[in-house]
Amino acid sequence: MSIGLKQISIILVKVGEIYIVSSGYREVDMATLVRCNHTIMSTGTFSWWIAYLTNGTTVYYNNWPKPNSVLEKMIKKDEYFLNNWIPIS
């Protein structure tokens, strides 16, 4: 079962100190996210730059790329993820 953005927004906002931003403009989204204290990043380049520009703790998904994939042969994980970023599985 998948939960929609509207439903998750309602749940998260009740927790407090959580804001949902959906401007529709990448540059506004990036500028907003860079001002956050910490980053939970995806493996994409947009998230990479946000994590790089944000002062604070960054955590990333460690089980990427898929083992034995073409992408795994192209990426050096020890160079892609910074040393002070925290891997999670």
PDB file of N, CA and C in Angstrom:
ATOM      1  N   MET A   1       0.834  -1.179   0.000  1.00  0.00           N
ATOM      2  CA  MET A   1       0.000   0.000   0.000  1.00  0.00           C
ATOM      3  C   MET A   1       0.879   1.242   0.000  1.00  0.00           C
ATOM      4  N   SER A   2       0.555   2.164  -0.835  1.00  0.00           N
ATOM      5  CA  SER A   2       1.304   3.406  -0.925  1.00  0.00           C
ATOM      6  C   SER A   2       0.476   4.539  -0.330  1.00  0.00           C
ATOM      7  N   ILE A   3       1.148   5.415   0.358  1.00  0.00           N
ATOM      8  CA  ILE A   3       0.460   6.561   0.951  1.00  0.00           C
ATOM      9  C   ILE A   3       0.792   7.794   0.117  1.00  0.00           C
ATOM     10  N   GLY A   4      -0.182   8.622  -0.122  1.00  0.00           N
ATOM     11  CA  GLY A   4       0.003   9.796  -0.964  1.00  0.00           C
ATOM     12  C   GLY A   4       0.667  10.948  -0.236  1.00  0.00           C
ATOM     13  N   LEU A   5       1.177  11.906  -1.011  1.00  0.00           N
ATOM     14  CA  LEU A   5       1.858  13.071  -0.447  1.00  0.00           C
ATOM     15  C   LEU A   5       0.941  13.860   0.480  1.00  0.00           C
ATOM     16  N   LYS A   6      -0.317  14.001   0.108  1.00  0.00           N
ATOM     17  CA  LYS A   6      -1.251  14.758   0.946  1.00  0.00           C
ATOM     18  C   LYS A   6      -1.421  14.087   2.314  1.00  0.00           C
ATOM     19  N   GLN A   7      -1.584  12.759   2.318  1.00  0.00           N
ATOM     20  CA  GLN A   7      -1.770  12.043   3.575  1.00  0.00           C
ATOM     21  C   GLN A   7      -0.512  12.097   4.449  1.00  0.00           C
ATOM     22  N   ILE A   8       0.636  11.889   3.840  1.00  0.00           N
ATOM     23  CA  ILE A   8       1.875  11.920   4.621  1.00  0.00           C
ATOM     24  C   ILE A   8       2.155  13.325   5.130  1.00  0.00           C
ATOM     25  N   SER A   9       1.792  14.338   4.363  1.00  0.00           N
ATOM     26  CA  SER A   9       1.964  15.722   4.805  1.00  0.00           C
ATOM     27  C   SER A   9       1.162  15.983   6.070  1.00  0.00           C
ATOM     28  N   ILE A  10      -0.059  15.508   6.107  1.00  0.00           N
ATOM     29  CA  ILE A  10      -0.918  15.695   7.281  1.00  0.00           C
ATOM     30  C   ILE A  10      -0.307  15.008   8.498  1.00  0.00           C
ATOM     31  N   ILE A  11       0.192  13.800   8.311  1.00  0.00           N
ATOM     32  CA  ILE A  11       0.793  13.043   9.412  1.00  0.00           C
ATOM     33  C   ILE A  11       2.055  13.734   9.916  1.00  0.00           C
ATOM     34  N   LEU A  12       2.947  14.131   9.009  1.00  0.00           N
ATOM     35  CA  LEU A  12       4.225  14.716   9.406  1.00  0.00           C
ATOM     36  C   LEU A  12       4.076  16.082  10.047  1.00  0.00           C
ATOM     37  N   VAL A  13       3.184  16.904   9.542  1.00  0.00           N
ATOM     38  CA  VAL A  13       3.013  18.246  10.097  1.00  0.00           C
ATOM     39  C   VAL A  13       2.530  18.168  11.545  1.00  0.00           C
ATOM     40  N   LYS A  14       1.767  17.146  11.887  1.00  0.00           N
ATOM     41  CA  LYS A  14       1.304  16.972  13.265  1.00  0.00           C
ATOM     42  C   LYS A  14       2.468  16.715  14.213  1.00  0.00           C
ATOM     43  N   VAL A  15       3.558  16.139  13.712  1.00  0.00           N
ATOM     44  CA  VAL A  15       4.728  15.853  14.533  1.00  0.00           C
ATOM     45  C   VAL A  15       5.385  17.152  14.987  1.00  0.00           C
ATOM     46  N   GLY A  16       5.367  18.171  14.148  1.00  0.00           N
ATOM     47  CA  GLY A  16       5.966  19.462  14.462  1.00  0.00           C
ATOM     48  C   GLY A  16       7.347  19.603  13.858  1.00  0.00           C
ATOM     49  N   GLU A  17       7.738  20.845  13.609  1.00  0.00           N
ATOM     50  CA  GLU A  17       9.047  21.162  13.030  1.00  0.00           C
ATOM     51  C   GLU A  17       9.289  20.482  11.695  1.00  0.00           C
ATOM     52  N   ILE A  18       8.239  20.161  10.987  1.00  0.00           N
ATOM     53  CA  ILE A  18       8.352  19.557   9.664  1.00  0.00           C
ATOM     54  C   ILE A  18       7.531  20.396   8.703  1.00  0.00           C
ATOM     55  N   TYR A  19       8.144  20.744   7.598  1.00  0.00           N
ATOM     56  CA  TYR A  19       7.476  21.578   6.606  1.00  0.00           C
ATOM     57  C   TYR A  19       7.514  20.876   5.258  1.00  0.00           C
ATOM     58  N   ILE A  20       6.446  20.950   4.529  1.00  0.00           N
ATOM     59  CA  ILE A  20       6.357  20.362   3.200  1.00  0.00           C
ATOM     60  C   ILE A  20       6.435  21.501   2.193  1.00  0.00           C
ATOM     61  N   VAL A  21       7.427  21.439   1.318  1.00  0.00           N
ATOM     62  CA  VAL A  21       7.623  22.479   0.312  1.00  0.00           C
ATOM     63  C   VAL A  21       7.428  21.856  -1.059  1.00  0.00           C
ATOM     64  N   SER A  22       6.590  22.439  -1.845  1.00  0.00           N
ATOM     65  CA  SER A  22       6.404  21.961  -3.220  1.00  0.00           C
ATOM     66  C   SER A  22       6.124  23.166  -4.113  1.00  0.00           C
ATOM     67  N   SER A  23       7.180  23.898  -4.390  1.00  0.00           N
ATOM     68  CA  SER A  23       7.045  25.136  -5.157  1.00  0.00           C
ATOM     69  C   SER A  23       6.813  24.878  -6.636  1.00  0.00           C
ATOM     70  N   GLY A  24       7.316  23.733  -7.116  1.00  0.00           N
ATOM     71  CA  GLY A  24       7.248  23.469  -8.546  1.00  0.00           C
ATOM     72  C   GLY A  24       8.462  23.995  -9.291  1.00  0.00           C
ATOM     73  N   TYR A  25       9.352  24.663  -8.572  1.00  0.00           N
ATOM     74  CA  TYR A  25      10.572  25.201  -9.174  1.00  0.00           C
ATOM     75  C   TYR A  25      11.780  24.554  -8.502  1.00  0.00           C
ATOM     76  N   ARG A  26      12.630  23.915  -9.305  1.00  0.00           N
ATOM     77  CA  ARG A  26      13.801  23.221  -8.756  1.00  0.00           C
ATOM     78  C   ARG A  26      14.697  24.152  -7.959  1.00  0.00           C
ATOM     79  N   GLU A  27      14.925  25.350  -8.482  1.00  0.00           N
ATOM     80  CA  GLU A  27      15.839  26.272  -7.811  1.00  0.00           C
ATOM     81  C   GLU A  27      15.300  26.715  -6.450  1.00  0.00           C
ATOM     82  N   VAL A  28      13.986  26.875  -6.332  1.00  0.00           N
ATOM     83  CA  VAL A  28      13.382  27.237  -5.043  1.00  0.00           C
ATOM     84  C   VAL A  28      13.476  26.057  -4.085  1.00  0.00           C
ATOM     85  N   ASP A  29      13.194  24.865  -4.575  1.00  0.00           N
ATOM     86  CA  ASP A  29      13.300  23.666  -3.737  1.00  0.00           C
ATOM     87  C   ASP A  29      14.726  23.492  -3.229  1.00  0.00           C
ATOM     88  N   MET A  30      15.716  23.667  -4.104  1.00  0.00           N
ATOM     89  CA  MET A  30      17.108  23.509  -3.692  1.00  0.00           C
ATOM     90  C   MET A  30      17.496  24.573  -2.677  1.00  0.00           C
ATOM     91  N   ALA A  31      17.145  25.821  -2.931  1.00  0.00           N
ATOM     92  CA  ALA A  31      17.482  26.900  -2.003  1.00  0.00           C
ATOM     93  C   ALA A  31      16.852  26.662  -0.635  1.00  0.00           C
ATOM     94  N   THR A  32      15.642  26.157  -0.620  1.00  0.00           N
ATOM     95  CA  THR A  32      14.957  25.865   0.643  1.00  0.00           C
ATOM     96  C   THR A  32      15.646  24.724   1.380  1.00  0.00           C
ATOM     97  N   LEU A  33      15.954  23.645   0.678  1.00  0.00           N
ATOM     98  CA  LEU A  33      16.570  22.474   1.306  1.00  0.00           C
ATOM     99  C   LEU A  33      17.979  22.750   1.811  1.00  0.00           C
ATOM    100  N   VAL A  34      18.716  23.590   1.116  1.00  0.00           N
ATOM    101  CA  VAL A  34      20.078  23.922   1.532  1.00  0.00           C
ATOM    102  C   VAL A  34      20.072  24.663   2.870  1.00  0.00           C
ATOM    103  N   ARG A  35      18.991  25.330   3.185  1.00  0.00           N
ATOM    104  CA  ARG A  35      18.885  26.072   4.442  1.00  0.00           C
ATOM    105  C   ARG A  35      18.494  25.181   5.626  1.00  0.00           C
ATOM    106  N   CYS A  36      18.229  23.911   5.361  1.00  0.00           N
ATOM    107  CA  CYS A  36      17.885  22.978   6.443  1.00  0.00           C
ATOM    108  C   CYS A  36      19.123  22.632   7.261  1.00  0.00           C
ATOM    109  N   ASN A  37      18.901  22.122   8.459  1.00  0.00           N
ATOM    110  CA  ASN A  37      20.014  21.774   9.345  1.00  0.00           C
ATOM    111  C   ASN A  37      20.700  20.469   8.958  1.00  0.00           C
ATOM    112  N   HIS A  38      19.948  19.523   8.425  1.00  0.00           N
ATOM    113  CA  HIS A  38      20.482  18.200   8.112  1.00  0.00           C
ATOM    114  C   HIS A  38      19.844  17.681   6.835  1.00  0.00           C
ATOM    115  N   THR A  39      20.445  16.616   6.262  1.00  0.00           N
ATOM    116  CA  THR A  39      19.950  16.076   4.998  1.00  0.00           C
ATOM    117  C   THR A  39      19.835  14.559   5.064  1.00  0.00           C
ATOM    118  N   ILE A  40      18.694  14.056   4.636  1.00  0.00           N
ATOM    119  CA  ILE A  40      18.537  12.634   4.335  1.00  0.00           C
ATOM    120  C   ILE A  40      18.434  12.599   2.823  1.00  0.00           C
ATOM    121  N   MET A  41      19.485  12.138   2.178  1.00  0.00           N
ATOM    122  CA  MET A  41      19.561  12.289   0.727  1.00  0.00           C
ATOM    123  C   MET A  41      19.228  11.018  -0.030  1.00  0.00           C
ATOM    124  N   SER A  42      18.739  11.219  -1.239  1.00  0.00           N
ATOM    125  CA  SER A  42      18.606  10.107  -2.178  1.00  0.00           C
ATOM    126  C   SER A  42      19.961   9.961  -2.864  1.00  0.00           C
ATOM    127  N   THR A  43      20.050   9.122  -3.848  1.00  0.00           N
ATOM    128  CA  THR A  43      21.337   8.911  -4.511  1.00  0.00           C
ATOM    129  C   THR A  43      21.506   9.757  -5.765  1.00  0.00           C
ATOM    130  N   GLY A  44      20.574  10.629  -6.043  1.00  0.00           N
ATOM    131  CA  GLY A  44      20.648  11.462  -7.242  1.00  0.00           C
ATOM    132  C   GLY A  44      21.548  12.670  -7.070  1.00  0.00           C
ATOM    133  N   THR A  45      21.897  13.283  -8.176  1.00  0.00           N
ATOM    134  CA  THR A  45      22.795  14.435  -8.135  1.00  0.00           C
ATOM    135  C   THR A  45      22.152  15.655  -7.493  1.00  0.00           C
ATOM    136  N   PHE A  46      20.841  15.819  -7.636  1.00  0.00           N
ATOM    137  CA  PHE A  46      20.151  16.945  -6.999  1.00  0.00           C
ATOM    138  C   PHE A  46      20.326  16.858  -5.483  1.00  0.00           C
ATOM    139  N   SER A  47      20.090  15.682  -4.925  1.00  0.00           N
ATOM    140  CA  SER A  47      20.273  15.477  -3.483  1.00  0.00           C
ATOM    141  C   SER A  47      21.736  15.600  -3.087  1.00  0.00           C
ATOM    142  N   TRP A  48      22.637  15.146  -3.961  1.00  0.00           N
ATOM    143  CA  TRP A  48      24.065  15.230  -3.655  1.00  0.00           C
ATOM    144  C   TRP A  48      24.466  16.684  -3.429  1.00  0.00           C
ATOM    145  N   TRP A  49      24.056  17.552  -4.334  1.00  0.00           N
ATOM    146  CA  TRP A  49      24.412  18.969  -4.205  1.00  0.00           C
ATOM    147  C   TRP A  49      23.769  19.605  -2.983  1.00  0.00           C
ATOM    148  N   ILE A  50      22.547  19.233  -2.681  1.00  0.00           N
ATOM    149  CA  ILE A  50      21.888  19.760  -1.483  1.00  0.00           C
ATOM    150  C   ILE A  50      22.670  19.335  -0.244  1.00  0.00           C
ATOM    151  N   ALA A  51      23.046  18.060  -0.170  1.00  0.00           N
ATOM    152  CA  ALA A  51      23.819  17.563   0.970  1.00  0.00           C
ATOM    153  C   ALA A  51      25.170  18.265   1.058  1.00  0.00           C
ATOM    154  N   TYR A  52      25.816  18.471  -0.063  1.00  0.00           N
ATOM    155  CA  TYR A  52      27.126  19.125  -0.106  1.00  0.00           C
ATOM    156  C   TYR A  52      27.038  20.566   0.391  1.00  0.00           C
ATOM    157  N   LEU A  53      25.977  21.252   0.027  1.00  0.00           N
ATOM    158  CA  LEU A  53      25.829  22.667   0.372  1.00  0.00           C
ATOM    159  C   LEU A  53      25.203  22.903   1.747  1.00  0.00           C
ATOM    160  N   THR A  54      24.645  21.874   2.356  1.00  0.00           N
ATOM    161  CA  THR A  54      23.999  22.005   3.662  1.00  0.00           C
ATOM    162  C   THR A  54      25.028  21.793   4.760  1.00  0.00           C
ATOM    163  N   ASN A  55      25.030  22.689   5.729  1.00  0.00           N
ATOM    164  CA  ASN A  55      25.890  22.499   6.903  1.00  0.00           C
ATOM    165  C   ASN A  55      25.112  21.670   7.901  1.00  0.00           C
ATOM    166  N   GLY A  56      25.600  20.497   8.191  1.00  0.00           N
ATOM    167  CA  GLY A  56      24.911  19.619   9.131  1.00  0.00           C
ATOM    168  C   GLY A  56      25.173  18.170   8.780  1.00  0.00           C
ATOM    169  N   THR A  57      24.468  17.297   9.432  1.00  0.00           N
ATOM    170  CA  THR A  57      24.622  15.865   9.231  1.00  0.00           C
ATOM    171  C   THR A  57      23.913  15.431   7.958  1.00  0.00           C
ATOM    172  N   THR A  58      24.576  14.571   7.196  1.00  0.00           N
ATOM    173  CA  THR A  58      23.974  13.994   5.994  1.00  0.00           C
ATOM    174  C   THR A  58      23.997  12.482   6.114  1.00  0.00           C
ATOM    175  N   VAL A  59      22.853  11.858   5.864  1.00  0.00           N
ATOM    176  CA  VAL A  59      22.790  10.403   5.782  1.00  0.00           C
ATOM    177  C   VAL A  59      22.345  10.019   4.376  1.00  0.00           C
ATOM    178  N   TYR A  60      22.855   8.886   3.907  1.00  0.00           N
ATOM    179  CA  TYR A  60      22.544   8.438   2.549  1.00  0.00           C
ATOM    180  C   TYR A  60      22.317   6.935   2.524  1.00  0.00           C
ATOM    181  N   TYR A  61      21.604   6.482   1.512  1.00  0.00           N
ATOM    182  CA  TYR A  61      21.315   5.062   1.304  1.00  0.00           C
ATOM    183  C   TYR A  61      22.577   4.375   0.800  1.00  0.00           C
ATOM    184  N   ASN A  62      23.063   3.408   1.564  1.00  0.00           N
ATOM    185  CA  ASN A  62      24.344   2.775   1.274  1.00  0.00           C
ATOM    186  C   ASN A  62      24.269   1.631   0.262  1.00  0.00           C
ATOM    187  N   ASN A  63      23.114   1.069   0.027  1.00  0.00           N
ATOM    188  CA  ASN A  63      22.994  -0.089  -0.870  1.00  0.00           C
ATOM    189  C   ASN A  63      22.732   0.336  -2.303  1.00  0.00           C
ATOM    190  N   TRP A  64      23.510   1.258  -2.777  1.00  0.00           N
ATOM    191  CA  TRP A  64      23.393   1.796  -4.125  1.00  0.00           C
ATOM    192  C   TRP A  64      24.794   1.992  -4.669  1.00  0.00           C
ATOM    193  N   PRO A  65      25.032   1.774  -5.902  1.00  0.00           N
ATOM    194  CA  PRO A  65      24.149   1.205  -6.915  1.00  0.00           C
ATOM    195  C   PRO A  65      24.025  -0.306  -6.756  1.00  0.00           C
ATOM    196  N   LYS A  66      23.144  -0.872  -7.543  1.00  0.00           N
ATOM    197  CA  LYS A  66      22.889  -2.312  -7.480  1.00  0.00           C
ATOM    198  C   LYS A  66      24.187  -3.067  -7.791  1.00  0.00           C
ATOM    199  N   PRO A  67      24.527  -4.078  -6.972  1.00  0.00           N
ATOM    200  CA  PRO A  67      25.751  -4.846  -7.216  1.00  0.00           C
ATOM    201  C   PRO A  67      25.792  -5.437  -8.631  1.00  0.00           C
ATOM    202  N   ASN A  68      26.960  -5.374  -9.218  1.00  0.00           N
ATOM    203  CA  ASN A  68      27.238  -5.907 -10.559  1.00  0.00           C
ATOM    204  C   ASN A  68      26.492  -5.179 -11.678  1.00  0.00           C
ATOM    205  N   SER A  69      25.983  -3.998 -11.397  1.00  0.00           N
ATOM    206  CA  SER A  69      25.296  -3.224 -12.435  1.00  0.00           C
ATOM    207  C   SER A  69      26.310  -2.385 -13.210  1.00  0.00           C
ATOM    208  N   VAL A  70      25.888  -1.894 -14.345  1.00  0.00           N
ATOM    209  CA  VAL A  70      26.743  -1.009 -15.143  1.00  0.00           C
ATOM    210  C   VAL A  70      27.093   0.229 -14.328  1.00  0.00           C
ATOM    211  N   LEU A  71      26.119   0.757 -13.607  1.00  0.00           N
ATOM    212  CA  LEU A  71      26.350   1.956 -12.799  1.00  0.00           C
ATOM    213  C   LEU A  71      27.382   1.711 -11.709  1.00  0.00           C
ATOM    214  N   GLU A  72      27.360   0.526 -11.110  1.00  0.00           N
ATOM    215  CA  GLU A  72      28.339   0.218 -10.072  1.00  0.00           C
ATOM    216  C   GLU A  72      29.766   0.273 -10.627  1.00  0.00           C
ATOM    217  N   LYS A  73      29.932  -0.134 -11.859  1.00  0.00           N
ATOM    218  CA  LYS A  73      31.254  -0.102 -12.485  1.00  0.00           C
ATOM    219  C   LYS A  73      31.700   1.332 -12.795  1.00  0.00           C
ATOM    220  N   MET A  74      30.747   2.240 -12.916  1.00  0.00           N
ATOM    221  CA  MET A  74      31.046   3.635 -13.263  1.00  0.00           C
ATOM    222  C   MET A  74      31.289   4.523 -12.041  1.00  0.00           C
ATOM    223  N   ILE A  75      30.737   4.142 -10.895  1.00  0.00           N
ATOM    224  CA  ILE A  75      30.761   4.990  -9.698  1.00  0.00           C
ATOM    225  C   ILE A  75      31.795   4.481  -8.704  1.00  0.00           C
ATOM    226  N   LYS A  76      32.569   5.391  -8.155  1.00  0.00           N
ATOM    227  CA  LYS A  76      33.463   5.072  -7.049  1.00  0.00           C
ATOM    228  C   LYS A  76      32.800   5.631  -5.799  1.00  0.00           C
ATOM    229  N   LYS A  77      32.156   4.753  -5.024  1.00  0.00           N
ATOM    230  CA  LYS A  77      31.373   5.201  -3.873  1.00  0.00           C
ATOM    231  C   LYS A  77      32.205   6.000  -2.879  1.00  0.00           C
ATOM    232  N   ASP A  78      33.482   5.641  -2.722  1.00  0.00           N
ATOM    233  CA  ASP A  78      34.316   6.372  -1.770  1.00  0.00           C
ATOM    234  C   ASP A  78      34.627   7.787  -2.246  1.00  0.00           C
ATOM    235  N   GLU A  79      34.396   8.071  -3.521  1.00  0.00           N
ATOM    236  CA  GLU A  79      34.559   9.425  -4.040  1.00  0.00           C
ATOM    237  C   GLU A  79      33.213  10.141  -4.181  1.00  0.00           C
ATOM    238  N   TYR A  80      32.145   9.392  -4.366  1.00  0.00           N
ATOM    239  CA  TYR A  80      30.820   9.990  -4.562  1.00  0.00           C
ATOM    240  C   TYR A  80      30.248  10.498  -3.241  1.00  0.00           C
ATOM    241  N   PHE A  81      30.376   9.699  -2.178  1.00  0.00           N
ATOM    242  CA  PHE A  81      29.858  10.080  -0.868  1.00  0.00           C
ATOM    243  C   PHE A  81      31.009  10.625  -0.025  1.00  0.00           C
ATOM    244  N   LEU A  82      30.811  11.773   0.587  1.00  0.00           N
ATOM    245  CA  LEU A  82      31.861  12.384   1.396  1.00  0.00           C
ATOM    246  C   LEU A  82      32.109  11.573   2.662  1.00  0.00           C
ATOM    247  N   ASN A  83      33.331  11.675   3.181  1.00  0.00           N
ATOM    248  CA  ASN A  83      33.731  10.882   4.350  1.00  0.00           C
ATOM    249  C   ASN A  83      32.885  11.156   5.589  1.00  0.00           C
ATOM    250  N   ASN A  84      32.417  12.383   5.750  1.00  0.00           N
ATOM    251  CA  ASN A  84      31.643  12.719   6.946  1.00  0.00           C
ATOM    252  C   ASN A  84      30.149  12.416   6.797  1.00  0.00           C
ATOM    253  N   TRP A  85      29.715  11.929   5.634  1.00  0.00           N
ATOM    254  CA  TRP A  85      28.324  11.523   5.446  1.00  0.00           C
ATOM    255  C   TRP A  85      28.135  10.132   6.037  1.00  0.00           C
ATOM    256  N   ILE A  86      26.960   9.871   6.550  1.00  0.00           N
ATOM    257  CA  ILE A  86      26.682   8.634   7.275  1.00  0.00           C
ATOM    258  C   ILE A  86      25.868   7.675   6.403  1.00  0.00           C
ATOM    259  N   PRO A  87      26.392   6.466   6.160  1.00  0.00           N
ATOM    260  CA  PRO A  87      25.637   5.489   5.361  1.00  0.00           C
ATOM    261  C   PRO A  87      24.553   4.805   6.193  1.00  0.00           C
ATOM    262  N   ILE A  88      23.405   4.566   5.565  1.00  0.00           N
ATOM    263  CA  ILE A  88      22.345   3.769   6.184  1.00  0.00           C
ATOM    264  C   ILE A  88      21.915   2.709   5.180  1.00  0.00           C
ATOM    265  N   SER A  89      21.459   1.579   5.676  1.00  0.00           N
ATOM    266  CA  SER A  89      21.035   0.493   4.783  1.00  0.00           C
ATOM    267  C   SER A  89      19.542   0.314   4.821  1.00  0.00           C
TER     268      SER A  89
END
